[in-house]
Amino acid sequence: MVIEYVGQSIRQVRCKYQTMSPYLFRVDQDTIIDATKCGNLARFINHSCNPNCYAKVITVEAKKKIVIYSRQQIGINEEITYDYKFPIEDEKIPCLCGAENCRGTLN
């Protein structure tokens, strides 16, 4: 475990009416973690098509949490990254991760 992605837990319905934030992380169909105003350092982890970490939703005491786990040893001063896995949409978001196997888009 590297870090938990924390923030305000909001319902999907409410989120549709808020300004879109780059710090929204979907837990399930109904719940989103919004780290815009009350997040931690996890909200600054960048995307990579060849990440050294992955995100996983776990349940602790009947509450769902998002945890970032390492895939491999992470060296001192090495950037921590994970695959954002954005949903597929018509309008593509360009990926600038620079990985050798970059998909070219985040969705």
PDB file of N, CA and C in Angstrom:
ATOM      1  N   MET A   1       0.847  -1.183   0.000  1.00  0.00           N
ATOM      2  CA  MET A   1       0.000   0.000   0.000  1.00  0.00           C
ATOM      3  C   MET A   1       0.891   1.243   0.000  1.00  0.00           C
ATOM      4  N   VAL A   2       0.553   2.189  -0.878  1.00  0.00           N
ATOM      5  CA  VAL A   2       1.302   3.435  -0.957  1.00  0.00           C
ATOM      6  C   VAL A   2       0.555   4.541  -0.225  1.00  0.00           C
ATOM      7  N   ILE A   3      -0.726   4.735  -0.576  1.00  0.00           N
ATOM      8  CA  ILE A   3      -1.513   5.811   0.015  1.00  0.00           C
ATOM      9  C   ILE A   3      -2.997   5.573  -0.262  1.00  0.00           C
ATOM     10  N   GLU A   4      -3.846   6.072   0.614  1.00  0.00           N
ATOM     11  CA  GLU A   4      -5.290   6.045   0.379  1.00  0.00           C
ATOM     12  C   GLU A   4      -5.688   7.344  -0.317  1.00  0.00           C
ATOM     13  N   TYR A   5      -6.569   7.243  -1.302  1.00  0.00           N
ATOM     14  CA  TYR A   5      -7.099   8.430  -1.982  1.00  0.00           C
ATOM     15  C   TYR A   5      -8.274   8.927  -1.154  1.00  0.00           C
ATOM     16  N   VAL A   6      -8.110  10.066  -0.503  1.00  0.00           N
ATOM     17  CA  VAL A   6      -9.159  10.557   0.393  1.00  0.00           C
ATOM     18  C   VAL A   6      -9.747  11.871  -0.111  1.00  0.00           C
ATOM     19  N   GLY A   7     -10.941  12.148   0.342  1.00  0.00           N
ATOM     20  CA  GLY A   7     -11.649  13.374  -0.016  1.00  0.00           C
ATOM     21  C   GLY A   7     -13.077  13.280   0.480  1.00  0.00           C
ATOM     22  N   GLN A   8     -13.910  14.154  -0.029  1.00  0.00           N
ATOM     23  CA  GLN A   8     -15.321  14.172   0.349  1.00  0.00           C
ATOM     24  C   GLN A   8     -16.067  13.130  -0.472  1.00  0.00           C
ATOM     25  N   SER A   9     -16.841  12.294   0.196  1.00  0.00           N
ATOM     26  CA  SER A   9     -17.649  11.291  -0.483  1.00  0.00           C
ATOM     27  C   SER A   9     -18.948  11.950  -0.944  1.00  0.00           C
ATOM     28  N   ILE A  10     -19.186  11.921  -2.251  1.00  0.00           N
ATOM     29  CA  ILE A  10     -20.402  12.531  -2.785  1.00  0.00           C
ATOM     30  C   ILE A  10     -21.148  11.521  -3.640  1.00  0.00           C
ATOM     31  N   ARG A  11     -22.459  11.727  -3.759  1.00  0.00           N
ATOM     32  CA  ARG A  11     -23.273  10.833  -4.584  1.00  0.00           C
ATOM     33  C   ARG A  11     -23.142  11.237  -6.043  1.00  0.00           C
ATOM     34  N   GLN A  12     -23.225  10.273  -6.928  1.00  0.00           N
ATOM     35  CA  GLN A  12     -23.123  10.500  -8.370  1.00  0.00           C
ATOM     36  C   GLN A  12     -24.109  11.556  -8.844  1.00  0.00           C
ATOM     37  N   VAL A  13     -25.345  11.532  -8.342  1.00  0.00           N
ATOM     38  CA  VAL A  13     -26.381  12.476  -8.765  1.00  0.00           C
ATOM     39  C   VAL A  13     -25.944  13.904  -8.463  1.00  0.00           C
ATOM     40  N   ARG A  14     -25.402  14.144  -7.284  1.00  0.00           N
ATOM     41  CA  ARG A  14     -24.952  15.476  -6.885  1.00  0.00           C
ATOM     42  C   ARG A  14     -23.779  15.936  -7.744  1.00  0.00           C
ATOM     43  N   CYS A  15     -22.919  15.030  -8.100  1.00  0.00           N
ATOM     44  CA  CYS A  15     -21.722  15.357  -8.865  1.00  0.00           C
ATOM     45  C   CYS A  15     -22.060  15.957 -10.224  1.00  0.00           C
ATOM     46  N   LYS A  16     -23.141  15.526 -10.839  1.00  0.00           N
ATOM     47  CA  LYS A  16     -23.523  16.021 -12.162  1.00  0.00           C
ATOM     48  C   LYS A  16     -23.776  17.524 -12.159  1.00  0.00           C
ATOM     49  N   TYR A  17     -24.113  18.073 -11.002  1.00  0.00           N
ATOM     50  CA  TYR A  17     -24.436  19.479 -10.926  1.00  0.00           C
ATOM     51  C   TYR A  17     -23.263  20.338 -10.449  1.00  0.00           C
ATOM     52  N   GLN A  18     -22.167  19.715 -10.090  1.00  0.00           N
ATOM     53  CA  GLN A  18     -20.991  20.453  -9.656  1.00  0.00           C
ATOM     54  C   GLN A  18     -20.076  20.714 -10.846  1.00  0.00           C
ATOM     55  N   THR A  19     -19.211  21.720 -10.700  1.00  0.00           N
ATOM     56  CA  THR A  19     -18.190  21.955 -11.709  1.00  0.00           C
ATOM     57  C   THR A  19     -17.273  20.746 -11.737  1.00  0.00           C
ATOM     58  N   MET A  20     -16.947  20.265 -12.908  1.00  0.00           N
ATOM     59  CA  MET A  20     -16.081  19.099 -13.007  1.00  0.00           C
ATOM     60  C   MET A  20     -14.700  19.435 -12.456  1.00  0.00           C
ATOM     61  N   SER A  21     -14.160  18.557 -11.673  1.00  0.00           N
ATOM     62  CA  SER A  21     -12.865  18.730 -11.037  1.00  0.00           C
ATOM     63  C   SER A  21     -11.943  17.609 -11.487  1.00  0.00           C
ATOM     64  N   PRO A  22     -10.653  17.892 -11.621  1.00  0.00           N
ATOM     65  CA  PRO A  22      -9.724  16.816 -11.985  1.00  0.00           C
ATOM     66  C   PRO A  22      -9.461  15.862 -10.827  1.00  0.00           C
ATOM     67  N   TYR A  23     -10.027  16.140  -9.655  1.00  0.00           N
ATOM     68  CA  TYR A  23      -9.766  15.330  -8.474  1.00  0.00           C
ATOM     69  C   TYR A  23     -10.920  14.413  -8.104  1.00  0.00           C
ATOM     70  N   LEU A  24     -11.777  14.081  -9.063  1.00  0.00           N
ATOM     71  CA  LEU A  24     -12.894  13.165  -8.829  1.00  0.00           C
ATOM     72  C   LEU A  24     -12.450  11.735  -9.122  1.00  0.00           C
ATOM     73  N   PHE A  25     -12.773  10.815  -8.227  1.00  0.00           N
ATOM     74  CA  PHE A  25     -12.384   9.415  -8.394  1.00  0.00           C
ATOM     75  C   PHE A  25     -13.603   8.561  -8.070  1.00  0.00           C
ATOM     76  N   ARG A  26     -14.080   7.809  -9.049  1.00  0.00           N
ATOM     77  CA  ARG A  26     -15.286   6.992  -8.873  1.00  0.00           C
ATOM     78  C   ARG A  26     -14.993   5.757  -8.022  1.00  0.00           C
ATOM     79  N   VAL A  27     -15.821   5.563  -7.000  1.00  0.00           N
ATOM     80  CA  VAL A  27     -15.728   4.389  -6.140  1.00  0.00           C
ATOM     81  C   VAL A  27     -16.614   3.276  -6.706  1.00  0.00           C
ATOM     82  N   ASP A  28     -17.851   3.641  -7.052  1.00  0.00           N
ATOM     83  CA  ASP A  28     -18.801   2.707  -7.647  1.00  0.00           C
ATOM     84  C   ASP A  28     -19.824   3.518  -8.439  1.00  0.00           C
ATOM     85  N   GLN A  29     -20.928   2.901  -8.850  1.00  0.00           N
ATOM     86  CA  GLN A  29     -21.930   3.582  -9.675  1.00  0.00           C
ATOM     87  C   GLN A  29     -22.587   4.755  -8.956  1.00  0.00           C
ATOM     88  N   ASP A  30     -22.619   4.731  -7.627  1.00  0.00           N
ATOM     89  CA  ASP A  30     -23.322   5.756  -6.868  1.00  0.00           C
ATOM     90  C   ASP A  30     -22.417   6.772  -6.167  1.00  0.00           C
ATOM     91  N   THR A  31     -21.161   6.415  -5.952  1.00  0.00           N
ATOM     92  CA  THR A  31     -20.290   7.225  -5.091  1.00  0.00           C
ATOM     93  C   THR A  31     -19.012   7.664  -5.790  1.00  0.00           C
ATOM     94  N   ILE A  32     -18.629   8.917  -5.512  1.00  0.00           N
ATOM     95  CA  ILE A  32     -17.401   9.503  -6.044  1.00  0.00           C
ATOM     96  C   ILE A  32     -16.658  10.146  -4.877  1.00  0.00           C
ATOM     97  N   ILE A  33     -15.344  10.028  -4.877  1.00  0.00           N
ATOM     98  CA  ILE A  33     -14.517  10.740  -3.906  1.00  0.00           C
ATOM     99  C   ILE A  33     -14.041  12.017  -4.582  1.00  0.00           C
ATOM    100  N   ASP A  34     -14.358  13.157  -3.977  1.00  0.00           N
ATOM    101  CA  ASP A  34     -13.947  14.464  -4.494  1.00  0.00           C
ATOM    102  C   ASP A  34     -12.839  15.003  -3.593  1.00  0.00           C
ATOM    103  N   ALA A  35     -11.619  15.023  -4.108  1.00  0.00           N
ATOM    104  CA  ALA A  35     -10.461  15.477  -3.340  1.00  0.00           C
ATOM    105  C   ALA A  35     -10.109  16.933  -3.652  1.00  0.00           C
ATOM    106  N   THR A  36     -11.025  17.669  -4.267  1.00  0.00           N
ATOM    107  CA  THR A  36     -10.759  19.046  -4.661  1.00  0.00           C
ATOM    108  C   THR A  36     -10.385  19.932  -3.481  1.00  0.00           C
ATOM    109  N   LYS A  37     -11.182  19.887  -2.409  1.00  0.00           N
ATOM    110  CA  LYS A  37     -10.966  20.788  -1.274  1.00  0.00           C
ATOM    111  C   LYS A  37     -10.390  20.093  -0.047  1.00  0.00           C
ATOM    112  N   CYS A  38     -10.612  18.797   0.086  1.00  0.00           N
ATOM    113  CA  CYS A  38     -10.150  18.120   1.301  1.00  0.00           C
ATOM    114  C   CYS A  38      -9.471  16.794   0.979  1.00  0.00           C
ATOM    115  N   GLY A  39      -8.569  16.810   0.023  1.00  0.00           N
ATOM    116  CA  GLY A  39      -7.843  15.606  -0.342  1.00  0.00           C
ATOM    117  C   GLY A  39      -6.480  15.551   0.311  1.00  0.00           C
ATOM    118  N   ASN A  40      -5.701  14.552  -0.074  1.00  0.00           N
ATOM    119  CA  ASN A  40      -4.332  14.427   0.406  1.00  0.00           C
ATOM    120  C   ASN A  40      -3.386  14.364  -0.801  1.00  0.00           C
ATOM    121  N   LEU A  41      -2.154  13.971  -0.583  1.00  0.00           N
ATOM    122  CA  LEU A  41      -1.168  13.941  -1.670  1.00  0.00           C
ATOM    123  C   LEU A  41      -1.535  12.981  -2.803  1.00  0.00           C
ATOM    124  N   ALA A  42      -2.405  12.013  -2.541  1.00  0.00           N
ATOM    125  CA  ALA A  42      -2.798  11.053  -3.580  1.00  0.00           C
ATOM    126  C   ALA A  42      -3.435  11.745  -4.778  1.00  0.00           C
ATOM    127  N   ARG A  43      -4.060  12.890  -4.573  1.00  0.00           N
ATOM    128  CA  ARG A  43      -4.724  13.582  -5.686  1.00  0.00           C
ATOM    129  C   ARG A  43      -3.719  14.128  -6.697  1.00  0.00           C
ATOM    130  N   PHE A  44      -2.447  14.185  -6.335  1.00  0.00           N
ATOM    131  CA  PHE A  44      -1.430  14.702  -7.251  1.00  0.00           C
ATOM    132  C   PHE A  44      -0.685  13.602  -8.008  1.00  0.00           C
ATOM    133  N   ILE A  45      -1.086  12.346  -7.830  1.00  0.00           N
ATOM    134  CA  ILE A  45      -0.451  11.246  -8.562  1.00  0.00           C
ATOM    135  C   ILE A  45      -0.883  11.323 -10.021  1.00  0.00           C
ATOM    136  N   ASN A  46       0.082  11.293 -10.919  1.00  0.00           N
ATOM    137  CA  ASN A  46      -0.187  11.423 -12.347  1.00  0.00           C
ATOM    138  C   ASN A  46      -0.520  10.091 -12.999  1.00  0.00           C
ATOM    139  N   HIS A  47      -1.119  10.194 -14.187  1.00  0.00           N
ATOM    140  CA  HIS A  47      -1.442   9.030 -15.015  1.00  0.00           C
ATOM    141  C   HIS A  47      -0.203   8.576 -15.783  1.00  0.00           C
ATOM    142  N   SER A  48      -0.137   7.286 -16.040  1.00  0.00           N
ATOM    143  CA  SER A  48       0.840   6.725 -16.977  1.00  0.00           C
ATOM    144  C   SER A  48       0.223   5.489 -17.612  1.00  0.00           C
ATOM    145  N   CYS A  49       0.526   5.278 -18.886  1.00  0.00           N
ATOM    146  CA  CYS A  49       0.094   4.050 -19.565  1.00  0.00           C
ATOM    147  C   CYS A  49       0.973   2.869 -19.152  1.00  0.00           C
ATOM    148  N   ASN A  50       2.106   3.166 -18.494  1.00  0.00           N
ATOM    149  CA  ASN A  50       3.003   2.149 -17.947  1.00  0.00           C
ATOM    150  C   ASN A  50       3.269   2.496 -16.476  1.00  0.00           C
ATOM    151  N   PRO A  51       2.239   2.376 -15.612  1.00  0.00           N
ATOM    152  CA  PRO A  51       2.336   2.860 -14.236  1.00  0.00           C
ATOM    153  C   PRO A  51       3.123   1.932 -13.319  1.00  0.00           C
ATOM    154  N   ASN A  52       3.593   2.507 -12.205  1.00  0.00           N
ATOM    155  CA  ASN A  52       4.260   1.686 -11.189  1.00  0.00           C
ATOM    156  C   ASN A  52       3.307   1.365 -10.032  1.00  0.00           C
ATOM    157  N   CYS A  53       2.073   1.857 -10.108  1.00  0.00           N
ATOM    158  CA  CYS A  53       1.058   1.587  -9.083  1.00  0.00           C
ATOM    159  C   CYS A  53      -0.288   1.288  -9.740  1.00  0.00           C
ATOM    160  N   TYR A  54      -1.227   0.851  -8.928  1.00  0.00           N
ATOM    161  CA  TYR A  54      -2.603   0.654  -9.392  1.00  0.00           C
ATOM    162  C   TYR A  54      -3.554   1.047  -8.266  1.00  0.00           C
ATOM    163  N   ALA A  55      -4.756   1.420  -8.634  1.00  0.00           N
ATOM    164  CA  ALA A  55      -5.783   1.804  -7.665  1.00  0.00           C
ATOM    165  C   ALA A  55      -6.756   0.647  -7.480  1.00  0.00           C
ATOM    166  N   LYS A  56      -7.189   0.460  -6.248  1.00  0.00           N
ATOM    167  CA  LYS A  56      -8.128  -0.612  -5.946  1.00  0.00           C
ATOM    168  C   LYS A  56      -9.133  -0.123  -4.907  1.00  0.00           C
ATOM    169  N   VAL A  57     -10.400  -0.455  -5.115  1.00  0.00           N
ATOM    170  CA  VAL A  57     -11.444  -0.140  -4.140  1.00  0.00           C
ATOM    171  C   VAL A  57     -11.516  -1.305  -3.167  1.00  0.00           C
ATOM    172  N   ILE A  58     -11.360  -0.997  -1.878  1.00  0.00           N
ATOM    173  CA  ILE A  58     -11.454  -2.021  -0.840  1.00  0.00           C
ATOM    174  C   ILE A  58     -12.550  -1.615   0.148  1.00  0.00           C
ATOM    175  N   THR A  59     -13.008  -2.566   0.943  1.00  0.00           N
ATOM    176  CA  THR A  59     -14.018  -2.285   1.962  1.00  0.00           C
ATOM    177  C   THR A  59     -13.403  -2.500   3.340  1.00  0.00           C
ATOM    178  N   VAL A  60     -13.504  -1.458   4.164  1.00  0.00           N
ATOM    179  CA  VAL A  60     -13.008  -1.512   5.538  1.00  0.00           C
ATOM    180  C   VAL A  60     -14.149  -1.087   6.453  1.00  0.00           C
ATOM    181  N   GLU A  61     -14.549  -1.971   7.352  1.00  0.00           N
ATOM    182  CA  GLU A  61     -15.654  -1.710   8.270  1.00  0.00           C
ATOM    183  C   GLU A  61     -16.884  -1.197   7.528  1.00  0.00           C
ATOM    184  N   ALA A  62     -17.256  -1.894   6.462  1.00  0.00           N
ATOM    185  CA  ALA A  62     -18.442  -1.623   5.639  1.00  0.00           C
ATOM    186  C   ALA A  62     -18.368  -0.297   4.878  1.00  0.00           C
ATOM    187  N   LYS A  63     -17.196   0.308   4.791  1.00  0.00           N
ATOM    188  CA  LYS A  63     -17.034   1.549   4.041  1.00  0.00           C
ATOM    189  C   LYS A  63     -16.023   1.334   2.921  1.00  0.00           C
ATOM    190  N   LYS A  64     -16.386   1.752   1.695  1.00  0.00           N
ATOM    191  CA  LYS A  64     -15.500   1.585   0.550  1.00  0.00           C
ATOM    192  C   LYS A  64     -14.434   2.674   0.545  1.00  0.00           C
ATOM    193  N   LYS A  65     -13.201   2.269   0.269  1.00  0.00           N
ATOM    194  CA  LYS A  65     -12.067   3.180   0.216  1.00  0.00           C
ATOM    195  C   LYS A  65     -11.256   2.905  -1.041  1.00  0.00           C
ATOM    196  N   ILE A  66     -10.569   3.929  -1.526  1.00  0.00           N
ATOM    197  CA  ILE A  66      -9.689   3.783  -2.686  1.00  0.00           C
ATOM    198  C   ILE A  66      -8.258   3.789  -2.171  1.00  0.00           C
ATOM    199  N   VAL A  67      -7.520   2.746  -2.519  1.00  0.00           N
ATOM    200  CA  VAL A  67      -6.141   2.628  -2.065  1.00  0.00           C
ATOM    201  C   VAL A  67      -5.241   2.461  -3.279  1.00  0.00           C
ATOM    202  N   ILE A  68      -4.095   3.146  -3.245  1.00  0.00           N
ATOM    203  CA  ILE A  68      -3.091   3.031  -4.301  1.00  0.00           C
ATOM    204  C   ILE A  68      -2.035   2.042  -3.813  1.00  0.00           C
ATOM    205  N   TYR A  69      -1.800   0.991  -4.608  1.00  0.00           N
ATOM    206  CA  TYR A  69      -0.814  -0.041  -4.296  1.00  0.00           C
ATOM    207  C   TYR A  69       0.312   0.007  -5.319  1.00  0.00           C
ATOM    208  N   SER A  70       1.511  -0.374  -4.904  1.00  0.00           N
ATOM    209  CA  SER A  70       2.634  -0.420  -5.841  1.00  0.00           C
ATOM    210  C   SER A  70       2.621  -1.733  -6.613  1.00  0.00           C
ATOM    211  N   ARG A  71       3.035  -1.680  -7.859  1.00  0.00           N
ATOM    212  CA  ARG A  71       3.183  -2.862  -8.716  1.00  0.00           C
ATOM    213  C   ARG A  71       4.594  -3.430  -8.602  1.00  0.00           C
ATOM    214  N   GLN A  72       5.522  -2.590  -8.159  1.00  0.00           N
ATOM    215  CA  GLN A  72       6.946  -2.923  -8.185  1.00  0.00           C
ATOM    216  C   GLN A  72       7.661  -2.062  -7.152  1.00  0.00           C
ATOM    217  N   GLN A  73       8.941  -2.287  -6.991  1.00  0.00           N
ATOM    218  CA  GLN A  73       9.747  -1.426  -6.135  1.00  0.00           C
ATOM    219  C   GLN A  73       9.740  -0.021  -6.724  1.00  0.00           C
ATOM    220  N   ILE A  74       9.590   0.991  -5.874  1.00  0.00           N
ATOM    221  CA  ILE A  74       9.607   2.380  -6.324  1.00  0.00           C
ATOM    222  C   ILE A  74      10.825   3.040  -5.696  1.00  0.00           C
ATOM    223  N   GLY A  75      11.687   3.566  -6.550  1.00  0.00           N
ATOM    224  CA  GLY A  75      12.927   4.152  -6.076  1.00  0.00           C
ATOM    225  C   GLY A  75      12.740   5.541  -5.490  1.00  0.00           C
ATOM    226  N   ILE A  76      13.743   5.987  -4.761  1.00  0.00           N
ATOM    227  CA  ILE A  76      13.753   7.340  -4.210  1.00  0.00           C
ATOM    228  C   ILE A  76      13.698   8.327  -5.367  1.00  0.00           C
ATOM    229  N   ASN A  77      12.851   9.335  -5.253  1.00  0.00           N
ATOM    230  CA  ASN A  77      12.645  10.374  -6.271  1.00  0.00           C
ATOM    231  C   ASN A  77      11.985   9.870  -7.556  1.00  0.00           C
ATOM    232  N   GLU A  78      11.504   8.620  -7.581  1.00  0.00           N
ATOM    233  CA  GLU A  78      10.770   8.109  -8.742  1.00  0.00           C
ATOM    234  C   GLU A  78       9.327   8.565  -8.648  1.00  0.00           C
ATOM    235  N   GLU A  79       8.788   9.062  -9.748  1.00  0.00           N
ATOM    236  CA  GLU A  79       7.404   9.524  -9.750  1.00  0.00           C
ATOM    237  C   GLU A  79       6.454   8.347  -9.556  1.00  0.00           C
ATOM    238  N   ILE A  80       5.432   8.553  -8.737  1.00  0.00           N
ATOM    239  CA  ILE A  80       4.393   7.550  -8.516  1.00  0.00           C
ATOM    240  C   ILE A  80       3.286   7.812  -9.523  1.00  0.00           C
ATOM    241  N   THR A  81       2.881   6.772 -10.267  1.00  0.00           N
ATOM    242  CA  THR A  81       1.854   6.908 -11.304  1.00  0.00           C
ATOM    243  C   THR A  81       0.899   5.719 -11.254  1.00  0.00           C
ATOM    244  N   TYR A  82      -0.308   5.926 -11.793  1.00  0.00           N
ATOM    245  CA  TYR A  82      -1.242   4.821 -12.004  1.00  0.00           C
ATOM    246  C   TYR A  82      -2.071   5.137 -13.246  1.00  0.00           C
ATOM    247  N   ASP A  83      -2.730   4.139 -13.792  1.00  0.00           N
ATOM    248  CA  ASP A  83      -3.553   4.293 -14.988  1.00  0.00           C
ATOM    249  C   ASP A  83      -4.922   4.814 -14.564  1.00  0.00           C
ATOM    250  N   TYR A  84      -5.292   6.009 -15.023  1.00  0.00           N
ATOM    251  CA  TYR A  84      -6.567   6.611 -14.633  1.00  0.00           C
ATOM    252  C   TYR A  84      -7.769   5.815 -15.151  1.00  0.00           C
ATOM    253  N   LYS A  85      -7.615   5.106 -16.255  1.00  0.00           N
ATOM    254  CA  LYS A  85      -8.692   4.274 -16.820  1.00  0.00           C
ATOM    255  C   LYS A  85      -9.997   5.050 -16.970  1.00  0.00           C
ATOM    256  N   PHE A  86      -9.928   6.209 -17.584  1.00  0.00           N
ATOM    257  CA  PHE A  86     -11.131   7.001 -17.822  1.00  0.00           C
ATOM    258  C   PHE A  86     -12.092   6.235 -18.724  1.00  0.00           C
ATOM    259  N   PRO A  87     -13.409   6.443 -18.568  1.00  0.00           N
ATOM    260  CA  PRO A  87     -14.378   5.754 -19.436  1.00  0.00           C
ATOM    261  C   PRO A  87     -14.232   6.205 -20.894  1.00  0.00           C
ATOM    262  N   ILE A  88     -14.553   5.306 -21.799  1.00  0.00           N
ATOM    263  CA  ILE A  88     -14.465   5.602 -23.231  1.00  0.00           C
ATOM    264  C   ILE A  88     -15.573   6.577 -23.608  1.00  0.00           C
ATOM    265  N   GLU A  89     -15.195   7.653 -24.261  1.00  0.00           N
ATOM    266  CA  GLU A  89     -16.143   8.668 -24.718  1.00  0.00           C
ATOM    267  C   GLU A  89     -15.784   9.065 -26.140  1.00  0.00           C
ATOM    268  N   ASP A  90     -16.704   9.766 -26.809  1.00  0.00           N
ATOM    269  CA  ASP A  90     -16.450  10.205 -28.178  1.00  0.00           C
ATOM    270  C   ASP A  90     -15.296  11.202 -28.250  1.00  0.00           C
ATOM    271  N   GLU A  91     -15.282  12.150 -27.316  1.00  0.00           N
ATOM    272  CA  GLU A  91     -14.213  13.152 -27.305  1.00  0.00           C
ATOM    273  C   GLU A  91     -13.030  12.587 -26.533  1.00  0.00           C
ATOM    274  N   LYS A  92     -11.911  12.407 -27.215  1.00  0.00           N
ATOM    275  CA  LYS A  92     -10.728  11.802 -26.610  1.00  0.00           C
ATOM    276  C   LYS A  92      -9.895  12.836 -25.861  1.00  0.00           C
ATOM    277  N   ILE A  93      -9.340  12.423 -24.729  1.00  0.00           N
ATOM    278  CA  ILE A  93      -8.452  13.260 -23.929  1.00  0.00           C
ATOM    279  C   ILE A  93      -7.027  12.797 -24.236  1.00  0.00           C
ATOM    280  N   PRO A  94      -6.187  13.663 -24.802  1.00  0.00           N
ATOM    281  CA  PRO A  94      -4.838  13.236 -25.165  1.00  0.00           C
ATOM    282  C   PRO A  94      -4.006  12.838 -23.947  1.00  0.00           C
ATOM    283  N   CYS A  95      -3.216  11.798 -24.094  1.00  0.00           N
ATOM    284  CA  CYS A  95      -2.310  11.344 -23.042  1.00  0.00           C
ATOM    285  C   CYS A  95      -0.914  11.839 -23.388  1.00  0.00           C
ATOM    286  N   LEU A  96      -0.263  12.425 -22.419  1.00  0.00           N
ATOM    287  CA  LEU A  96       1.087  12.958 -22.615  1.00  0.00           C
ATOM    288  C   LEU A  96       2.076  12.293 -21.664  1.00  0.00           C
ATOM    289  N   CYS A  97       1.802  11.037 -21.276  1.00  0.00           N
ATOM    290  CA  CYS A  97       2.620  10.382 -20.259  1.00  0.00           C
ATOM    291  C   CYS A  97       4.033  10.070 -20.730  1.00  0.00           C
ATOM    292  N   GLY A  98       4.215   9.895 -22.033  1.00  0.00           N
ATOM    293  CA  GLY A  98       5.550   9.629 -22.561  1.00  0.00           C
ATOM    294  C   GLY A  98       6.013   8.193 -22.435  1.00  0.00           C
ATOM    295  N   ALA A  99       5.151   7.290 -21.949  1.00  0.00           N
ATOM    296  CA  ALA A  99       5.531   5.885 -21.830  1.00  0.00           C
ATOM    297  C   ALA A  99       5.730   5.273 -23.214  1.00  0.00           C
ATOM    298  N   GLU A 100       6.626   4.316 -23.299  1.00  0.00           N
ATOM    299  CA  GLU A 100       6.920   3.662 -24.574  1.00  0.00           C
ATOM    300  C   GLU A 100       5.678   3.037 -25.197  1.00  0.00           C
ATOM    301  N   ASN A 101       4.791   2.490 -24.363  1.00  0.00           N
ATOM    302  CA  ASN A 101       3.561   1.844 -24.839  1.00  0.00           C
ATOM    303  C   ASN A 101       2.330   2.728 -24.651  1.00  0.00           C
ATOM    304  N   CYS A 102       2.495   4.050 -24.704  1.00  0.00           N
ATOM    305  CA  CYS A 102       1.397   4.989 -24.477  1.00  0.00           C
ATOM    306  C   CYS A 102       0.246   4.729 -25.459  1.00  0.00           C
ATOM    307  N   ARG A 103      -0.985   4.714 -24.920  1.00  0.00           N
ATOM    308  CA  ARG A 103      -2.182   4.492 -25.746  1.00  0.00           C
ATOM    309  C   ARG A 103      -2.546   5.715 -26.571  1.00  0.00           C
ATOM    310  N   GLY A 104      -2.039   6.879 -26.173  1.00  0.00           N
ATOM    311  CA  GLY A 104      -2.339   8.117 -26.909  1.00  0.00           C
ATOM    312  C   GLY A 104      -3.497   8.919 -26.338  1.00  0.00           C
ATOM    313  N   THR A 105      -4.381   8.254 -25.581  1.00  0.00           N
ATOM    314  CA  THR A 105      -5.507   8.954 -24.947  1.00  0.00           C
ATOM    315  C   THR A 105      -5.726   8.392 -23.547  1.00  0.00           C
ATOM    316  N   LEU A 106      -6.366   9.213 -22.694  1.00  0.00           N
ATOM    317  CA  LEU A 106      -6.706   8.748 -21.348  1.00  0.00           C
ATOM    318  C   LEU A 106      -8.000   7.957 -21.347  1.00  0.00           C
ATOM    319  N   ASN A 107      -8.787   8.026 -22.443  1.00  0.00           N
ATOM    320  CA  ASN A 107     -10.062   7.305 -22.499  1.00  0.00           C
ATOM    321  C   ASN A 107     -10.196   6.559 -23.806  1.00  0.00           C
TER     322      ASN A 107
END
